[in-house]
Amino acid sequence: MIADKMAERLAGLKPTQLEVIDESESHRGHSGFREGGESHFRIRMASPAFSGLTRLQRHRLVHATLGDIVPQIHALALELTES
């Protein structure tokens, strides 16, 4: 599952809080929706790795960490805080 792969990769950022939420079903009928889900995700994460980083830098760090997973999904919402 994509959510499991995301969580596994994000574990490298030593999160103190991590939620990978598949929100695909709430986007049924919208662009990018796929039967079976795994098209729309929300990540809520707190990590000391975000300390001193701007919002944009945090997003870039998460995208870089997820790497080749990002092009496999349609939408990714990020809620990132330092811990």
N, C-alpha and C. Protein backbone atom coordinates (compact mmCIF):
# COMPACT_ATOMS: atom_id res chain seq x y z
N MET A 1 0.82 -1.19 0.00
CA MET A 1 0.00 0.00 0.00
C MET A 1 0.87 1.26 0.00
N ILE A 2 0.40 2.26 -0.71
CA ILE A 2 1.15 3.50 -0.82
C ILE A 2 1.29 4.18 0.54
N ALA A 3 0.23 4.18 1.34
CA ALA A 3 0.29 4.83 2.66
C ALA A 3 1.38 4.21 3.53
N ASP A 4 1.52 2.90 3.48
CA ASP A 4 2.56 2.22 4.26
C ASP A 4 3.96 2.61 3.77
N LYS A 5 4.12 2.71 2.46
CA LYS A 5 5.41 3.13 1.90
C LYS A 5 5.75 4.55 2.32
N MET A 6 4.73 5.43 2.31
CA MET A 6 4.95 6.81 2.73
C MET A 6 5.42 6.85 4.19
N ALA A 7 4.70 6.15 5.06
CA ALA A 7 5.05 6.15 6.48
C ALA A 7 6.45 5.60 6.70
N GLU A 8 6.80 4.57 5.97
CA GLU A 8 8.13 3.96 6.11
C GLU A 8 9.22 4.96 5.74
N ARG A 9 9.03 5.67 4.63
CA ARG A 9 10.05 6.65 4.21
C ARG A 9 10.10 7.85 5.16
N LEU A 10 8.94 8.31 5.60
CA LEU A 10 8.90 9.48 6.48
C LEU A 10 9.46 9.17 7.86
N ALA A 11 9.51 7.92 8.24
CA ALA A 11 10.10 7.53 9.53
C ALA A 11 11.55 7.97 9.62
N GLY A 12 12.21 8.12 8.48
CA GLY A 12 13.59 8.59 8.45
C GLY A 12 13.76 10.01 8.94
N LEU A 13 12.66 10.77 8.99
CA LEU A 13 12.71 12.15 9.49
C LEU A 13 12.42 12.21 10.99
N LYS A 14 12.36 11.04 11.63
CA LYS A 14 12.16 10.90 13.08
C LYS A 14 10.94 11.68 13.58
N PRO A 15 9.77 11.41 13.02
CA PRO A 15 8.59 12.15 13.46
C PRO A 15 8.18 11.84 14.89
N THR A 16 7.68 12.86 15.57
CA THR A 16 7.09 12.66 16.89
C THR A 16 5.60 12.44 16.75
N GLN A 17 5.06 12.79 15.61
CA GLN A 17 3.66 12.52 15.25
C GLN A 17 3.64 12.25 13.76
N LEU A 18 2.90 11.24 13.34
CA LEU A 18 2.78 10.95 11.91
C LEU A 18 1.44 10.28 11.63
N GLU A 19 0.68 10.90 10.76
CA GLU A 19 -0.57 10.33 10.26
C GLU A 19 -0.53 10.41 8.74
N VAL A 20 -0.71 9.29 8.07
CA VAL A 20 -0.85 9.25 6.63
C VAL A 20 -2.29 8.81 6.37
N ILE A 21 -3.09 9.73 5.85
CA ILE A 21 -4.52 9.50 5.72
C ILE A 21 -4.90 9.42 4.25
N ASP A 22 -5.54 8.33 3.86
CA ASP A 22 -6.05 8.17 2.50
C ASP A 22 -7.42 8.82 2.44
N GLU A 23 -7.51 9.97 1.79
CA GLU A 23 -8.76 10.72 1.68
C GLU A 23 -9.44 10.49 0.33
N SER A 24 -9.03 9.49 -0.38
CA SER A 24 -9.50 9.26 -1.75
C SER A 24 -11.01 9.17 -1.85
N GLU A 25 -11.64 8.45 -0.93
CA GLU A 25 -13.08 8.23 -1.03
C GLU A 25 -13.86 9.54 -0.99
N SER A 26 -13.35 10.52 -0.27
CA SER A 26 -14.05 11.81 -0.20
C SER A 26 -13.91 12.61 -1.49
N HIS A 27 -13.12 12.10 -2.43
CA HIS A 27 -12.93 12.77 -3.72
C HIS A 27 -13.55 11.97 -4.87
N ARG A 28 -14.41 11.03 -4.53
CA ARG A 28 -15.11 10.23 -5.56
C ARG A 28 -15.82 11.17 -6.53
N GLY A 29 -15.62 10.94 -7.81
CA GLY A 29 -16.23 11.78 -8.84
C GLY A 29 -15.38 12.98 -9.23
N HIS A 30 -14.31 13.22 -8.51
CA HIS A 30 -13.41 14.33 -8.82
C HIS A 30 -12.25 13.84 -9.69
N SER A 31 -11.54 14.77 -10.22
CA SER A 31 -10.39 14.46 -11.05
C SER A 31 -9.36 13.63 -10.26
N GLY A 32 -8.82 12.64 -10.89
CA GLY A 32 -7.77 11.84 -10.29
C GLY A 32 -8.24 10.71 -9.39
N PHE A 33 -9.53 10.62 -9.11
CA PHE A 33 -10.03 9.55 -8.25
C PHE A 33 -9.84 8.20 -8.94
N ARG A 34 -9.41 7.20 -8.15
CA ARG A 34 -9.28 5.84 -8.65
C ARG A 34 -10.06 4.91 -7.74
N GLU A 35 -10.75 3.94 -8.33
CA GLU A 35 -11.40 2.90 -7.52
C GLU A 35 -10.34 2.22 -6.67
N GLY A 36 -10.67 1.96 -5.45
CA GLY A 36 -9.72 1.31 -4.55
C GLY A 36 -8.89 2.31 -3.76
N GLY A 37 -9.04 3.60 -4.06
CA GLY A 37 -8.34 4.62 -3.29
C GLY A 37 -6.91 4.84 -3.73
N GLU A 38 -6.11 5.30 -2.79
CA GLU A 38 -4.69 5.59 -2.99
C GLU A 38 -4.44 6.64 -4.08
N SER A 39 -5.33 7.65 -4.14
CA SER A 39 -5.12 8.74 -5.09
C SER A 39 -4.98 10.10 -4.41
N HIS A 40 -5.60 10.27 -3.25
CA HIS A 40 -5.59 11.53 -2.51
C HIS A 40 -5.16 11.26 -1.07
N PHE A 41 -4.11 11.94 -0.62
CA PHE A 41 -3.58 11.71 0.73
C PHE A 41 -3.39 13.01 1.49
N ARG A 42 -3.46 12.89 2.81
CA ARG A 42 -3.12 13.98 3.73
C ARG A 42 -2.08 13.42 4.69
N ILE A 43 -1.02 14.19 4.90
CA ILE A 43 0.01 13.81 5.87
C ILE A 43 0.03 14.87 6.96
N ARG A 44 -0.17 14.43 8.20
CA ARG A 44 -0.01 15.28 9.37
C ARG A 44 1.23 14.79 10.09
N MET A 45 2.19 15.69 10.24
CA MET A 45 3.46 15.24 10.77
C MET A 45 4.14 16.34 11.57
N ALA A 46 4.72 15.95 12.70
CA ALA A 46 5.57 16.82 13.50
C ALA A 46 6.94 16.15 13.58
N SER A 47 7.98 16.95 13.39
CA SER A 47 9.33 16.38 13.40
C SER A 47 10.35 17.45 13.76
N PRO A 48 11.37 17.08 14.52
CA PRO A 48 12.45 18.03 14.78
C PRO A 48 13.21 18.38 13.50
N ALA A 49 13.07 17.56 12.47
CA ALA A 49 13.74 17.84 11.19
C ALA A 49 13.21 19.12 10.54
N PHE A 50 12.03 19.57 10.96
CA PHE A 50 11.43 20.78 10.40
C PHE A 50 11.86 22.05 11.13
N SER A 51 12.62 21.90 12.19
CA SER A 51 13.03 23.05 13.00
C SER A 51 13.81 24.06 12.15
N GLY A 52 13.36 25.30 12.20
CA GLY A 52 14.04 26.38 11.48
C GLY A 52 13.74 26.44 9.99
N LEU A 53 12.93 25.53 9.48
CA LEU A 53 12.61 25.51 8.06
C LEU A 53 11.32 26.30 7.79
N THR A 54 11.28 26.96 6.64
CA THR A 54 10.06 27.63 6.23
C THR A 54 9.04 26.57 5.80
N ARG A 55 7.81 27.01 5.61
CA ARG A 55 6.76 26.08 5.15
C ARG A 55 7.16 25.44 3.83
N LEU A 56 7.67 26.23 2.91
CA LEU A 56 8.09 25.72 1.61
C LEU A 56 9.22 24.71 1.75
N GLN A 57 10.19 24.99 2.60
CA GLN A 57 11.30 24.06 2.82
C GLN A 57 10.83 22.74 3.43
N ARG A 58 9.86 22.81 4.31
CA ARG A 58 9.29 21.60 4.90
C ARG A 58 8.61 20.75 3.83
N HIS A 59 7.83 21.40 2.99
CA HIS A 59 7.14 20.69 1.91
C HIS A 59 8.15 20.05 0.96
N ARG A 60 9.18 20.80 0.61
CA ARG A 60 10.21 20.25 -0.29
C ARG A 60 10.91 19.06 0.34
N LEU A 61 11.18 19.12 1.64
CA LEU A 61 11.83 18.01 2.33
C LEU A 61 10.95 16.76 2.29
N VAL A 62 9.66 16.91 2.53
CA VAL A 62 8.75 15.76 2.50
C VAL A 62 8.66 15.20 1.08
N HIS A 63 8.52 16.07 0.10
CA HIS A 63 8.45 15.60 -1.29
C HIS A 63 9.74 14.85 -1.67
N ALA A 64 10.89 15.38 -1.28
CA ALA A 64 12.16 14.71 -1.58
C ALA A 64 12.24 13.36 -0.88
N THR A 65 11.76 13.30 0.35
CA THR A 65 11.78 12.05 1.12
C THR A 65 10.87 11.00 0.50
N LEU A 66 9.72 11.43 0.01
CA LEU A 66 8.78 10.50 -0.62
C LEU A 66 9.24 10.08 -2.01
N GLY A 67 10.02 10.94 -2.67
CA GLY A 67 10.63 10.61 -3.96
C GLY A 67 9.65 10.13 -5.01
N ASP A 68 9.86 8.92 -5.51
CA ASP A 68 9.08 8.38 -6.63
C ASP A 68 7.64 8.03 -6.27
N ILE A 69 7.26 8.18 -5.01
CA ILE A 69 5.87 7.94 -4.63
C ILE A 69 4.97 9.08 -5.10
N VAL A 70 5.48 10.30 -5.04
CA VAL A 70 4.67 11.48 -5.34
C VAL A 70 4.02 11.42 -6.73
N PRO A 71 4.73 11.06 -7.79
CA PRO A 71 4.06 11.00 -9.09
C PRO A 71 2.99 9.91 -9.22
N GLN A 72 2.95 8.99 -8.28
CA GLN A 72 1.96 7.90 -8.32
C GLN A 72 0.60 8.31 -7.78
N ILE A 73 0.52 9.47 -7.12
CA ILE A 73 -0.73 9.91 -6.52
C ILE A 73 -1.21 11.19 -7.17
N HIS A 74 -2.49 11.51 -6.99
CA HIS A 74 -3.07 12.69 -7.62
C HIS A 74 -2.93 13.93 -6.75
N ALA A 75 -3.12 13.79 -5.44
CA ALA A 75 -3.10 14.95 -4.55
C ALA A 75 -2.47 14.59 -3.20
N LEU A 76 -1.74 15.56 -2.67
CA LEU A 76 -1.07 15.37 -1.39
C LEU A 76 -1.19 16.67 -0.59
N ALA A 77 -1.92 16.60 0.53
CA ALA A 77 -2.05 17.75 1.43
C ALA A 77 -1.08 17.52 2.59
N LEU A 78 -0.36 18.57 2.96
CA LEU A 78 0.64 18.44 4.02
C LEU A 78 0.35 19.41 5.16
N GLU A 79 0.35 18.88 6.37
CA GLU A 79 0.25 19.67 7.60
C GLU A 79 1.50 19.34 8.42
N LEU A 80 2.48 20.22 8.37
CA LEU A 80 3.81 19.92 8.92
C LEU A 80 4.18 20.93 9.99
N THR A 81 4.60 20.43 11.16
CA THR A 81 5.03 21.29 12.24
C THR A 81 6.32 20.75 12.85
N GLU A 82 7.05 21.64 13.48
CA GLU A 82 8.26 21.17 14.17
C GLU A 82 7.87 20.69 15.56
N SER A 83 8.66 19.77 16.08
CA SER A 83 8.37 19.29 17.42
C SER A 83 9.56 19.48 18.32
